[in-house]
Amino acid sequence: MAQGLTVDVREDEPFTIIEVSGEVDIDTAGQLRDAVTEVTDAGADRLVFDLTHVGFVDSIGLGVFVLARKKMKLRQGTVDIVAPTRRVVAIFTIAGLDEIFSIRSSLAAVFAGADPAEPA
């Protein structure tokens, strides 16, 4: 049985932080996709996914992160992935997404490198 998903969005200028808890999979990815669409439609241009409490991401879930990257790239924005577990890092690595996303150890690391963040 899939674990539920909690998605909380907050602003910490200049960042929009999407805090995700649970599993991002075929059953829950739509919820995360809706949050991404909402914040990008509202004009966010520095998106941070806090994955501290995410235990698993499947291919459908990875697609949501790729969608976010595409949306941010259109506006020359940035996407950071923060504090994923080793398991989640492995999933991003196997999919080759560690090459296109900035994966940081903490929000503090994102904030410290706030100026020259690489485009999404």
PDB file of N, CA and C in Angstrom:
ATOM      1  N   MET A   1       0.840  -1.189   0.000  1.00  0.00           N
ATOM      2  CA  MET A   1       0.000   0.000   0.000  1.00  0.00           C
ATOM      3  C   MET A   1       0.877   1.240   0.000  1.00  0.00           C
ATOM      4  N   ALA A   2       0.571   2.157  -0.863  1.00  0.00           N
ATOM      5  CA  ALA A   2       1.361   3.378  -0.988  1.00  0.00           C
ATOM      6  C   ALA A   2       1.148   4.284   0.221  1.00  0.00           C
ATOM      7  N   GLN A   3       2.234   4.901   0.619  1.00  0.00           N
ATOM      8  CA  GLN A   3       2.168   5.883   1.693  1.00  0.00           C
ATOM      9  C   GLN A   3       1.577   7.159   1.116  1.00  0.00           C
ATOM     10  N   GLY A   4       0.830   7.903   1.923  1.00  0.00           N
ATOM     11  CA  GLY A   4       0.250   9.152   1.457  1.00  0.00           C
ATOM     12  C   GLY A   4       1.311  10.204   1.199  1.00  0.00           C
ATOM     13  N   LEU A   5       0.871  11.327   0.691  1.00  0.00           N
ATOM     14  CA  LEU A   5       1.777  12.422   0.376  1.00  0.00           C
ATOM     15  C   LEU A   5       1.242  13.699   1.000  1.00  0.00           C
ATOM     16  N   THR A   6       2.147  14.460   1.576  1.00  0.00           N
ATOM     17  CA  THR A   6       1.823  15.787   2.086  1.00  0.00           C
ATOM     18  C   THR A   6       2.690  16.782   1.332  1.00  0.00           C
ATOM     19  N   VAL A   7       2.069  17.833   0.839  1.00  0.00           N
ATOM     20  CA  VAL A   7       2.786  18.874   0.098  1.00  0.00           C
ATOM     21  C   VAL A   7       2.440  20.217   0.728  1.00  0.00           C
ATOM     22  N   ASP A   8       3.466  20.909   1.220  1.00  0.00           N
ATOM     23  CA  ASP A   8       3.279  22.237   1.802  1.00  0.00           C
ATOM     24  C   ASP A   8       4.151  23.223   1.037  1.00  0.00           C
ATOM     25  N   VAL A   9       3.577  24.357   0.698  1.00  0.00           N
ATOM     26  CA  VAL A   9       4.299  25.383  -0.052  1.00  0.00           C
ATOM     27  C   VAL A   9       4.464  26.608   0.838  1.00  0.00           C
ATOM     28  N   ARG A  10       5.677  27.141   0.840  1.00  0.00           N
ATOM     29  CA  ARG A  10       5.917  28.381   1.580  1.00  0.00           C
ATOM     30  C   ARG A  10       6.912  29.235   0.812  1.00  0.00           C
ATOM     31  N   GLU A  11       6.850  30.517   1.087  1.00  0.00           N
ATOM     32  CA  GLU A  11       7.768  31.475   0.470  1.00  0.00           C
ATOM     33  C   GLU A  11       8.859  31.820   1.465  1.00  0.00           C
ATOM     34  N   ASP A  12      10.082  31.823   1.011  1.00  0.00           N
ATOM     35  CA  ASP A  12      11.223  32.309   1.779  1.00  0.00           C
ATOM     36  C   ASP A  12      12.058  33.069   0.760  1.00  0.00           C
ATOM     37  N   GLU A  13      11.663  34.311   0.506  1.00  0.00           N
ATOM     38  CA  GLU A  13      12.220  35.116  -0.582  1.00  0.00           C
ATOM     39  C   GLU A  13      13.732  34.983  -0.683  1.00  0.00           C
ATOM     40  N   PRO A  14      14.210  34.745  -1.873  1.00  0.00           N
ATOM     41  CA  PRO A  14      13.521  34.744  -3.165  1.00  0.00           C
ATOM     42  C   PRO A  14      13.020  33.363  -3.588  1.00  0.00           C
ATOM     43  N   PHE A  15      12.948  32.438  -2.657  1.00  0.00           N
ATOM     44  CA  PHE A  15      12.629  31.048  -2.983  1.00  0.00           C
ATOM     45  C   PHE A  15      11.169  30.703  -2.711  1.00  0.00           C
ATOM     46  N   THR A  16      10.654  29.795  -3.520  1.00  0.00           N
ATOM     47  CA  THR A  16       9.397  29.121  -3.227  1.00  0.00           C
ATOM     48  C   THR A  16       9.782  27.701  -2.849  1.00  0.00           C
ATOM     49  N   ILE A  17       9.461  27.319  -1.626  1.00  0.00           N
ATOM     50  CA  ILE A  17       9.866  26.016  -1.111  1.00  0.00           C
ATOM     51  C   ILE A  17       8.659  25.096  -1.081  1.00  0.00           C
ATOM     52  N   ILE A  18       8.810  23.947  -1.726  1.00  0.00           N
ATOM     53  CA  ILE A  18       7.777  22.918  -1.702  1.00  0.00           C
ATOM     54  C   ILE A  18       8.298  21.796  -0.816  1.00  0.00           C
ATOM     55  N   GLU A  19       7.709  21.670   0.372  1.00  0.00           N
ATOM     56  CA  GLU A  19       8.096  20.627   1.317  1.00  0.00           C
ATOM     57  C   GLU A  19       7.225  19.405   1.052  1.00  0.00           C
ATOM     58  N   VAL A  20       7.878  18.293   0.792  1.00  0.00           N
ATOM     59  CA  VAL A  20       7.180  17.075   0.413  1.00  0.00           C
ATOM     60  C   VAL A  20       7.458  15.999   1.455  1.00  0.00           C
ATOM     61  N   SER A  21       6.406  15.293   1.878  1.00  0.00           N
ATOM     62  CA  SER A  21       6.556  14.187   2.828  1.00  0.00           C
ATOM     63  C   SER A  21       5.769  12.993   2.318  1.00  0.00           C
ATOM     64  N   GLY A  22       6.370  11.809   2.408  1.00  0.00           N
ATOM     65  CA  GLY A  22       5.704  10.583   1.977  1.00  0.00           C
ATOM     66  C   GLY A  22       6.398   9.977   0.777  1.00  0.00           C
ATOM     67  N   GLU A  23       5.610   9.390  -0.103  1.00  0.00           N
ATOM     68  CA  GLU A  23       6.127   8.771  -1.319  1.00  0.00           C
ATOM     69  C   GLU A  23       5.532   9.474  -2.528  1.00  0.00           C
ATOM     70  N   VAL A  24       6.384   9.760  -3.508  1.00  0.00           N
ATOM     71  CA  VAL A  24       5.928  10.395  -4.744  1.00  0.00           C
ATOM     72  C   VAL A  24       5.869   9.292  -5.791  1.00  0.00           C
ATOM     73  N   ASP A  25       4.655   8.820  -6.049  1.00  0.00           N
ATOM     74  CA  ASP A  25       4.486   7.690  -6.957  1.00  0.00           C
ATOM     75  C   ASP A  25       3.239   7.886  -7.810  1.00  0.00           C
ATOM     76  N   ILE A  26       2.873   6.856  -8.522  1.00  0.00           N
ATOM     77  CA  ILE A  26       1.740   6.951  -9.443  1.00  0.00           C
ATOM     78  C   ILE A  26       0.459   7.393  -8.743  1.00  0.00           C
ATOM     79  N   ASP A  27       0.307   7.026  -7.471  1.00  0.00           N
ATOM     80  CA  ASP A  27      -0.900   7.376  -6.731  1.00  0.00           C
ATOM     81  C   ASP A  27      -0.890   8.803  -6.192  1.00  0.00           C
ATOM     82  N   THR A  28       0.282   9.391  -6.017  1.00  0.00           N
ATOM     83  CA  THR A  28       0.380  10.690  -5.342  1.00  0.00           C
ATOM     84  C   THR A  28       0.995  11.796  -6.194  1.00  0.00           C
ATOM     85  N   ALA A  29       1.580  11.447  -7.315  1.00  0.00           N
ATOM     86  CA  ALA A  29       2.302  12.434  -8.129  1.00  0.00           C
ATOM     87  C   ALA A  29       1.407  13.579  -8.595  1.00  0.00           C
ATOM     88  N   GLY A  30       0.145  13.307  -8.824  1.00  0.00           N
ATOM     89  CA  GLY A  30      -0.779  14.355  -9.260  1.00  0.00           C
ATOM     90  C   GLY A  30      -0.882  15.491  -8.259  1.00  0.00           C
ATOM     91  N   GLN A  31      -0.837  15.146  -6.988  1.00  0.00           N
ATOM     92  CA  GLN A  31      -0.899  16.154  -5.933  1.00  0.00           C
ATOM     93  C   GLN A  31       0.320  17.084  -6.006  1.00  0.00           C
ATOM     94  N   LEU A  32       1.495  16.506  -6.214  1.00  0.00           N
ATOM     95  CA  LEU A  32       2.710  17.312  -6.335  1.00  0.00           C
ATOM     96  C   LEU A  32       2.689  18.116  -7.635  1.00  0.00           C
ATOM     97  N   ARG A  33       2.224  17.509  -8.713  1.00  0.00           N
ATOM     98  CA  ARG A  33       2.122  18.204 -10.003  1.00  0.00           C
ATOM     99  C   ARG A  33       1.218  19.429  -9.870  1.00  0.00           C
ATOM    100  N   ASP A  34       0.102  19.286  -9.151  1.00  0.00           N
ATOM    101  CA  ASP A  34      -0.803  20.421  -8.950  1.00  0.00           C
ATOM    102  C   ASP A  34      -0.108  21.565  -8.216  1.00  0.00           C
ATOM    103  N   ALA A  35       0.685  21.230  -7.198  1.00  0.00           N
ATOM    104  CA  ALA A  35       1.413  22.260  -6.443  1.00  0.00           C
ATOM    105  C   ALA A  35       2.432  22.958  -7.338  1.00  0.00           C
ATOM    106  N   VAL A  36       3.138  22.190  -8.164  1.00  0.00           N
ATOM    107  CA  VAL A  36       4.122  22.767  -9.082  1.00  0.00           C
ATOM    108  C   VAL A  36       3.430  23.715 -10.062  1.00  0.00           C
ATOM    109  N   THR A  37       2.322  23.279 -10.616  1.00  0.00           N
ATOM    110  CA  THR A  37       1.582  24.111 -11.564  1.00  0.00           C
ATOM    111  C   THR A  37       1.107  25.396 -10.900  1.00  0.00           C
ATOM    112  N   GLU A  38       0.596  25.275  -9.686  1.00  0.00           N
ATOM    113  CA  GLU A  38       0.099  26.449  -8.970  1.00  0.00           C
ATOM    114  C   GLU A  38       1.206  27.480  -8.733  1.00  0.00           C
ATOM    115  N   VAL A  39       2.353  27.038  -8.249  1.00  0.00           N
ATOM    116  CA  VAL A  39       3.419  28.007  -7.936  1.00  0.00           C
ATOM    117  C   VAL A  39       4.081  28.558  -9.196  1.00  0.00           C
ATOM    118  N   THR A  40       4.207  27.738 -10.225  1.00  0.00           N
ATOM    119  CA  THR A  40       4.815  28.258 -11.453  1.00  0.00           C
ATOM    120  C   THR A  40       3.858  29.211 -12.165  1.00  0.00           C
ATOM    121  N   ASP A  41       2.568  28.900 -12.147  1.00  0.00           N
ATOM    122  CA  ASP A  41       1.588  29.816 -12.737  1.00  0.00           C
ATOM    123  C   ASP A  41       1.541  31.144 -11.982  1.00  0.00           C
ATOM    124  N   ALA A  42       1.867  31.103 -10.686  1.00  0.00           N
ATOM    125  CA  ALA A  42       1.875  32.320  -9.863  1.00  0.00           C
ATOM    126  C   ALA A  42       3.165  33.127 -10.043  1.00  0.00           C
ATOM    127  N   GLY A  43       4.116  32.592 -10.819  1.00  0.00           N
ATOM    128  CA  GLY A  43       5.319  33.355 -11.133  1.00  0.00           C
ATOM    129  C   GLY A  43       6.577  32.991 -10.371  1.00  0.00           C
ATOM    130  N   ALA A  44       6.569  31.889  -9.637  1.00  0.00           N
ATOM    131  CA  ALA A  44       7.786  31.478  -8.918  1.00  0.00           C
ATOM    132  C   ALA A  44       8.925  31.291  -9.912  1.00  0.00           C
ATOM    133  N   ASP A  45      10.123  31.728  -9.527  1.00  0.00           N
ATOM    134  CA  ASP A  45      11.262  31.515 -10.417  1.00  0.00           C
ATOM    135  C   ASP A  45      12.472  30.904  -9.716  1.00  0.00           C
ATOM    136  N   ARG A  46      12.366  30.633  -8.413  1.00  0.00           N
ATOM    137  CA  ARG A  46      13.433  29.937  -7.678  1.00  0.00           C
ATOM    138  C   ARG A  46      12.749  28.871  -6.842  1.00  0.00           C
ATOM    139  N   LEU A  47      12.629  27.701  -7.410  1.00  0.00           N
ATOM    140  CA  LEU A  47      11.868  26.613  -6.812  1.00  0.00           C
ATOM    141  C   LEU A  47      12.796  25.663  -6.071  1.00  0.00           C
ATOM    142  N   VAL A  48      12.404  25.309  -4.845  1.00  0.00           N
ATOM    143  CA  VAL A  48      13.178  24.385  -4.024  1.00  0.00           C
ATOM    144  C   VAL A  48      12.247  23.274  -3.556  1.00  0.00           C
ATOM    145  N   PHE A  49      12.625  22.037  -3.850  1.00  0.00           N
ATOM    146  CA  PHE A  49      11.894  20.880  -3.337  1.00  0.00           C
ATOM    147  C   PHE A  49      12.634  20.359  -2.118  1.00  0.00           C
ATOM    148  N   ASP A  50      12.000  20.430  -0.947  1.00  0.00           N
ATOM    149  CA  ASP A  50      12.581  19.874   0.274  1.00  0.00           C
ATOM    150  C   ASP A  50      12.076  18.443   0.406  1.00  0.00           C
ATOM    151  N   LEU A  51      12.978  17.487   0.174  1.00  0.00           N
ATOM    152  CA  LEU A  51      12.611  16.066   0.178  1.00  0.00           C
ATOM    153  C   LEU A  51      13.095  15.344   1.432  1.00  0.00           C
ATOM    154  N   THR A  52      13.316  16.084   2.499  1.00  0.00           N
ATOM    155  CA  THR A  52      13.803  15.503   3.745  1.00  0.00           C
ATOM    156  C   THR A  52      12.974  14.302   4.182  1.00  0.00           C
ATOM    157  N   HIS A  53      11.661  14.374   3.983  1.00  0.00           N
ATOM    158  CA  HIS A  53      10.765  13.331   4.485  1.00  0.00           C
ATOM    159  C   HIS A  53      10.148  12.489   3.368  1.00  0.00           C
ATOM    160  N   VAL A  54      10.864  12.368   2.260  1.00  0.00           N
ATOM    161  CA  VAL A  54      10.397  11.526   1.152  1.00  0.00           C
ATOM    162  C   VAL A  54      11.194  10.234   1.157  1.00  0.00           C
ATOM    163  N   GLY A  55      10.482   9.112   1.191  1.00  0.00           N
ATOM    164  CA  GLY A  55      11.149   7.819   1.241  1.00  0.00           C
ATOM    165  C   GLY A  55      11.320   7.153  -0.110  1.00  0.00           C
ATOM    166  N   PHE A  56      10.514   7.563  -1.099  1.00  0.00           N
ATOM    167  CA  PHE A  56      10.546   6.879  -2.385  1.00  0.00           C
ATOM    168  C   PHE A  56       9.981   7.796  -3.460  1.00  0.00           C
ATOM    169  N   VAL A  57      10.552   7.698  -4.655  1.00  0.00           N
ATOM    170  CA  VAL A  57      10.045   8.396  -5.835  1.00  0.00           C
ATOM    171  C   VAL A  57      10.074   7.401  -6.987  1.00  0.00           C
ATOM    172  N   ASP A  58       8.924   7.201  -7.660  1.00  0.00           N
ATOM    173  CA  ASP A  58       8.930   6.313  -8.825  1.00  0.00           C
ATOM    174  C   ASP A  58       9.078   7.144 -10.099  1.00  0.00           C
ATOM    175  N   SER A  59       8.999   6.491 -11.251  1.00  0.00           N
ATOM    176  CA  SER A  59       9.230   7.192 -12.516  1.00  0.00           C
ATOM    177  C   SER A  59       8.177   8.268 -12.776  1.00  0.00           C
ATOM    178  N   ILE A  60       6.956   8.043 -12.338  1.00  0.00           N
ATOM    179  CA  ILE A  60       5.913   9.060 -12.496  1.00  0.00           C
ATOM    180  C   ILE A  60       6.259  10.278 -11.639  1.00  0.00           C
ATOM    181  N   GLY A  61       6.731  10.024 -10.427  1.00  0.00           N
ATOM    182  CA  GLY A  61       7.162  11.107  -9.545  1.00  0.00           C
ATOM    183  C   GLY A  61       8.329  11.876 -10.127  1.00  0.00           C
ATOM    184  N   LEU A  62       9.304  11.155 -10.688  1.00  0.00           N
ATOM    185  CA  LEU A  62      10.441  11.830 -11.322  1.00  0.00           C
ATOM    186  C   LEU A  62       9.966  12.752 -12.437  1.00  0.00           C
ATOM    187  N   GLY A  63       8.925  12.316 -13.133  1.00  0.00           N
ATOM    188  CA  GLY A  63       8.368  13.137 -14.204  1.00  0.00           C
ATOM    189  C   GLY A  63       7.868  14.489 -13.719  1.00  0.00           C
ATOM    190  N   VAL A  64       7.377  14.540 -12.487  1.00  0.00           N
ATOM    191  CA  VAL A  64       6.916  15.816 -11.929  1.00  0.00           C
ATOM    192  C   VAL A  64       8.095  16.767 -11.731  1.00  0.00           C
ATOM    193  N   PHE A  65       9.224  16.233 -11.264  1.00  0.00           N
ATOM    194  CA  PHE A  65      10.409  17.074 -11.090  1.00  0.00           C
ATOM    195  C   PHE A  65      10.927  17.568 -12.442  1.00  0.00           C
ATOM    196  N   VAL A  66      10.868  16.711 -13.452  1.00  0.00           N
ATOM    197  CA  VAL A  66      11.285  17.107 -14.802  1.00  0.00           C
ATOM    198  C   VAL A  66      10.342  18.186 -15.341  1.00  0.00           C
ATOM    199  N   LEU A  67       9.044  18.026 -15.102  1.00  0.00           N
ATOM    200  CA  LEU A  67       8.074  19.046 -15.506  1.00  0.00           C
ATOM    201  C   LEU A  67       8.400  20.386 -14.848  1.00  0.00           C
ATOM    202  N   ALA A  68       8.699  20.355 -13.556  1.00  0.00           N
ATOM    203  CA  ALA A  68       9.052  21.590 -12.842  1.00  0.00           C
ATOM    204  C   ALA A  68      10.281  22.230 -13.476  1.00  0.00           C
ATOM    205  N   ARG A  69      11.265  21.418 -13.801  1.00  0.00           N
ATOM    206  CA  ARG A  69      12.489  21.938 -14.422  1.00  0.00           C
ATOM    207  C   ARG A  69      12.177  22.600 -15.766  1.00  0.00           C
ATOM    208  N   LYS A  70      11.332  21.944 -16.575  1.00  0.00           N
ATOM    209  CA  LYS A  70      10.968  22.511 -17.877  1.00  0.00           C
ATOM    210  C   LYS A  70      10.261  23.850 -17.711  1.00  0.00           C
ATOM    211  N   LYS A  71       9.320  23.914 -16.771  1.00  0.00           N
ATOM    212  CA  LYS A  71       8.594  25.161 -16.537  1.00  0.00           C
ATOM    213  C   LYS A  71       9.537  26.268 -16.073  1.00  0.00           C
ATOM    214  N   MET A  72      10.470  25.920 -15.193  1.00  0.00           N
ATOM    215  CA  MET A  72      11.399  26.922 -14.684  1.00  0.00           C
ATOM    216  C   MET A  72      12.399  27.347 -15.757  1.00  0.00           C
ATOM    217  N   LYS A  73      12.795  26.421 -16.601  1.00  0.00           N
ATOM    218  CA  LYS A  73      13.745  26.747 -17.670  1.00  0.00           C
ATOM    219  C   LYS A  73      13.139  27.760 -18.640  1.00  0.00           C
ATOM    220  N   LEU A  74      11.840  27.657 -18.884  1.00  0.00           N
ATOM    221  CA  LEU A  74      11.161  28.601 -19.773  1.00  0.00           C
ATOM    222  C   LEU A  74      11.267  30.033 -19.261  1.00  0.00           C
ATOM    223  N   ARG A  75      11.327  30.200 -17.955  1.00  0.00           N
ATOM    224  CA  ARG A  75      11.423  31.552 -17.387  1.00  0.00           C
ATOM    225  C   ARG A  75      12.814  31.833 -16.839  1.00  0.00           C
ATOM    226  N   GLN A  76      13.772  30.982 -17.209  1.00  0.00           N
ATOM    227  CA  GLN A  76      15.163  31.101 -16.766  1.00  0.00           C
ATOM    228  C   GLN A  76      15.257  31.089 -15.244  1.00  0.00           C
ATOM    229  N   GLY A  77      14.421  30.255 -14.640  1.00  0.00           N
ATOM    230  CA  GLY A  77      14.422  30.086 -13.195  1.00  0.00           C
ATOM    231  C   GLY A  77      15.317  28.930 -12.782  1.00  0.00           C
ATOM    232  N   THR A  78      15.278  28.615 -11.497  1.00  0.00           N
ATOM    233  CA  THR A  78      16.116  27.549 -10.954  1.00  0.00           C
ATOM    234  C   THR A  78      15.279  26.536 -10.187  1.00  0.00           C
ATOM    235  N   VAL A  79      15.820  25.330 -10.100  1.00  0.00           N
ATOM    236  CA  VAL A  79      15.217  24.264  -9.300  1.00  0.00           C
ATOM    237  C   VAL A  79      16.325  23.626  -8.480  1.00  0.00           C
ATOM    238  N   ASP A  80      16.097  23.525  -7.181  1.00  0.00           N
ATOM    239  CA  ASP A  80      17.013  22.810  -6.294  1.00  0.00           C
ATOM    240  C   ASP A  80      16.250  21.675  -5.632  1.00  0.00           C
ATOM    241  N   ILE A  81      16.934  20.558  -5.462  1.00  0.00           N
ATOM    242  CA  ILE A  81      16.407  19.417  -4.715  1.00  0.00           C
ATOM    243  C   ILE A  81      17.188  19.388  -3.409  1.00  0.00           C
ATOM    244  N   VAL A  82      16.482  19.392  -2.279  1.00  0.00           N
ATOM    245  CA  VAL A  82      17.140  19.513  -0.982  1.00  0.00           C
ATOM    246  C   VAL A  82      16.920  18.283  -0.111  1.00  0.00           C
ATOM    247  N   ALA A  83      18.013  17.853   0.506  1.00  0.00           N
ATOM    248  CA  ALA A  83      18.029  16.853   1.570  1.00  0.00           C
ATOM    249  C   ALA A  83      17.332  15.536   1.251  1.00  0.00           C
ATOM    250  N   PRO A  84      17.523  15.037   0.048  1.00  0.00           N
ATOM    251  CA  PRO A  84      16.918  13.734  -0.217  1.00  0.00           C
ATOM    252  C   PRO A  84      17.662  12.639   0.544  1.00  0.00           C
ATOM    253  N   THR A  85      16.948  11.573   0.854  1.00  0.00           N
ATOM    254  CA  THR A  85      17.581  10.423   1.492  1.00  0.00           C
ATOM    255  C   THR A  85      18.513   9.753   0.490  1.00  0.00           C
ATOM    256  N   ARG A  86      19.366   8.880   0.986  1.00  0.00           N
ATOM    257  CA  ARG A  86      20.267   8.148   0.071  1.00  0.00           C
ATOM    258  C   ARG A  86      19.473   7.377  -0.973  1.00  0.00           C
ATOM    259  N   ARG A  87      18.355   6.815  -0.550  1.00  0.00           N
ATOM    260  CA  ARG A  87      17.524   6.047  -1.477  1.00  0.00           C
ATOM    261  C   ARG A  87      17.011   6.944  -2.603  1.00  0.00           C
ATOM    262  N   VAL A  88      16.554   8.131  -2.248  1.00  0.00           N
ATOM    263  CA  VAL A  88      16.032   9.049  -3.262  1.00  0.00           C
ATOM    264  C   VAL A  88      17.158   9.568  -4.154  1.00  0.00           C
ATOM    265  N   VAL A  89      18.320   9.860  -3.577  1.00  0.00           N
ATOM    266  CA  VAL A  89      19.475  10.264  -4.394  1.00  0.00           C
ATOM    267  C   VAL A  89      19.812   9.159  -5.389  1.00  0.00           C
ATOM    268  N   ALA A  90      19.778   7.910  -4.934  1.00  0.00           N
ATOM    269  CA  ALA A  90      20.073   6.781  -5.826  1.00  0.00           C
ATOM    270  C   ALA A  90      19.081   6.725  -6.983  1.00  0.00           C
ATOM    271  N   ILE A  91      17.822   6.985  -6.700  1.00  0.00           N
ATOM    272  CA  ILE A  91      16.797   6.969  -7.751  1.00  0.00           C
ATOM    273  C   ILE A  91      17.073   8.076  -8.775  1.00  0.00           C
ATOM    274  N   PHE A  92      17.391   9.280  -8.303  1.00  0.00           N
ATOM    275  CA  PHE A  92      17.730  10.380  -9.212  1.00  0.00           C
ATOM    276  C   PHE A  92      18.971  10.025 -10.032  1.00  0.00           C
ATOM    277  N   THR A  93      19.957   9.407  -9.391  1.00  0.00           N
ATOM    278  CA  THR A  93      21.207   9.050 -10.072  1.00  0.00           C
ATOM    279  C   THR A  93      20.974   7.992 -11.141  1.00  0.00           C
ATOM    280  N   ILE A  94      20.240   6.948 -10.806  1.00  0.00           N
ATOM    281  CA  ILE A  94      19.946   5.879 -11.766  1.00  0.00           C
ATOM    282  C   ILE A  94      19.227   6.447 -12.990  1.00  0.00           C
ATOM    283  N   ALA A  95      18.343   7.413 -12.757  1.00  0.00           N
ATOM    284  CA  ALA A  95      17.593   8.033 -13.857  1.00  0.00           C
ATOM    285  C   ALA A  95      18.412   9.090 -14.604  1.00  0.00           C
ATOM    286  N   GLY A  96      19.619   9.390 -14.116  1.00  0.00           N
ATOM    287  CA  GLY A  96      20.460  10.401 -14.750  1.00  0.00           C
ATOM    288  C   GLY A  96      20.060  11.829 -14.405  1.00  0.00           C
ATOM    289  N   LEU A  97      19.148  11.986 -13.460  1.00  0.00           N
ATOM    290  CA  LEU A  97      18.656  13.317 -13.128  1.00  0.00           C
ATOM    291  C   LEU A  97      19.580  14.085 -12.194  1.00  0.00           C
ATOM    292  N   ASP A  98      20.540  13.390 -11.611  1.00  0.00           N
ATOM    293  CA  ASP A  98      21.526  14.096 -10.783  1.00  0.00           C
ATOM    294  C   ASP A  98      22.397  15.009 -11.650  1.00  0.00           C
ATOM    295  N   GLU A  99      22.384  14.783 -12.956  1.00  0.00           N
ATOM    296  CA  GLU A  99      23.158  15.609 -13.885  1.00  0.00           C
ATOM    297  C   GLU A  99      22.441  16.909 -14.247  1.00  0.00           C
ATOM    298  N   ILE A 100      21.122  16.950 -14.069  1.00  0.00           N
ATOM    299  CA  ILE A 100      20.379  18.146 -14.486  1.00  0.00           C
ATOM    300  C   ILE A 100      19.784  18.928 -13.317  1.00  0.00           C
ATOM    301  N   PHE A 101      19.773  18.340 -12.134  1.00  0.00           N
ATOM    302  CA  PHE A 101      19.262  19.033 -10.957  1.00  0.00           C
ATOM    303  C   PHE A 101      20.395  19.366 -10.008  1.00  0.00           C
ATOM    304  N   SER A 102      20.256  20.491  -9.335  1.00  0.00           N
ATOM    305  CA  SER A 102      21.159  20.842  -8.248  1.00  0.00           C
ATOM    306  C   SER A 102      20.618  20.151  -7.001  1.00  0.00           C
ATOM    307  N   ILE A 103      21.351  19.157  -6.504  1.00  0.00           N
ATOM    308  CA  ILE A 103      20.927  18.421  -5.314  1.00  0.00           C
ATOM    309  C   ILE A 103      21.776  18.909  -4.152  1.00  0.00           C
ATOM    310  N   ARG A 104      21.122  19.516  -3.166  1.00  0.00           N
ATOM    311  CA  ARG A 104      21.814  20.125  -2.030  1.00  0.00           C
ATOM    312  C   ARG A 104      21.499  19.361  -0.750  1.00  0.00           C
ATOM    313  N   SER A 105      22.401  19.457   0.215  1.00  0.00           N
ATOM    314  CA  SER A 105      22.245  18.718   1.468  1.00  0.00           C
ATOM    315  C   SER A 105      21.236  19.347   2.420  1.00  0.00           C
ATOM    316  N   SER A 106      20.999  20.647   2.279  1.00  0.00           N
ATOM    317  CA  SER A 106      20.106  21.335   3.212  1.00  0.00           C
ATOM    318  C   SER A 106      19.587  22.632   2.598  1.00  0.00           C
ATOM    319  N   LEU A 107      18.551  23.173   3.227  1.00  0.00           N
ATOM    320  CA  LEU A 107      18.068  24.485   2.802  1.00  0.00           C
ATOM    321  C   LEU A 107      19.143  25.540   3.012  1.00  0.00           C
ATOM    322  N   ALA A 108      19.907  25.401   4.089  1.00  0.00           N
ATOM    323  CA  ALA A 108      20.987  26.356   4.352  1.00  0.00           C
ATOM    324  C   ALA A 108      21.979  26.381   3.196  1.00  0.00           C
ATOM    325  N   ALA A 109      22.254  25.220   2.607  1.00  0.00           N
ATOM    326  CA  ALA A 109      23.167  25.151   1.464  1.00  0.00           C
ATOM    327  C   ALA A 109      22.582  25.888   0.261  1.00  0.00           C
ATOM    328  N   VAL A 110      21.273  25.795   0.082  1.00  0.00           N
ATOM    329  CA  VAL A 110      20.624  26.532  -1.007  1.00  0.00           C
ATOM    330  C   VAL A 110      20.726  28.026  -0.740  1.00  0.00           C
ATOM    331  N   PHE A 111      20.395  28.427   0.484  1.00  0.00           N
ATOM    332  CA  PHE A 111      20.418  29.850   0.823  1.00  0.00           C
ATOM    333  C   PHE A 111      21.828  30.420   0.712  1.00  0.00           C
ATOM    334  N   ALA A 112      22.827  29.654   1.107  1.00  0.00           N
ATOM    335  CA  ALA A 112      24.219  30.115   1.057  1.00  0.00           C
ATOM    336  C   ALA A 112      24.685  30.321  -0.379  1.00  0.00           C
ATOM    337  N   GLY A 113      24.180  29.496  -1.281  1.00  0.00           N
ATOM    338  CA  GLY A 113      24.565  29.611  -2.686  1.00  0.00           C
ATOM    339  C   GLY A 113      23.513  30.319  -3.494  1.00  0.00           C
ATOM    340  N   ALA A 114      22.753  31.185  -2.859  1.00  0.00           N
ATOM    341  CA  ALA A 114      21.583  31.783  -3.486  1.00  0.00           C
ATOM    342  C   ALA A 114      21.891  32.576  -4.741  1.00  0.00           C
ATOM    343  N   ASP A 115      23.039  33.234  -4.804  1.00  0.00           N
ATOM    344  CA  ASP A 115      23.232  34.076  -5.962  1.00  0.00           C
ATOM    345  C   ASP A 115      23.519  33.339  -7.255  1.00  0.00           C
ATOM    346  N   PRO A 116      24.638  32.676  -7.393  1.00  0.00           N
ATOM    347  CA  PRO A 116      24.843  32.067  -8.703  1.00  0.00           C
ATOM    348  C   PRO A 116      24.274  30.660  -8.792  1.00  0.00           C
ATOM    349  N   ALA A 117      22.974  30.512  -8.586  1.00  0.00           N
ATOM    350  CA  ALA A 117      22.352  29.203  -8.751  1.00  0.00           C
ATOM    351  C   ALA A 117      22.297  28.896 -10.240  1.00  0.00           C
ATOM    352  N   GLU A 118      22.531  27.661 -10.581  1.00  0.00           N
ATOM    353  CA  GLU A 118      22.492  27.276 -11.988  1.00  0.00           C
ATOM    354  C   GLU A 118      21.056  27.288 -12.471  1.00  0.00           C
ATOM    355  N   PRO A 119      20.842  27.683 -13.720  1.00  0.00           N
ATOM    356  CA  PRO A 119      19.487  27.619 -14.264  1.00  0.00           C
ATOM    357  C   PRO A 119      18.971  26.190 -14.227  1.00  0.00           C
ATOM    358  N   ALA A 120      17.665  26.078 -14.154  1.00  0.00           N
ATOM    359  CA  ALA A 120      17.020  24.762 -14.057  1.00  0.00           C
ATOM    360  C   ALA A 120      17.382  23.882 -15.218  1.00  0.00           C
TER     361      ALA A 120
END
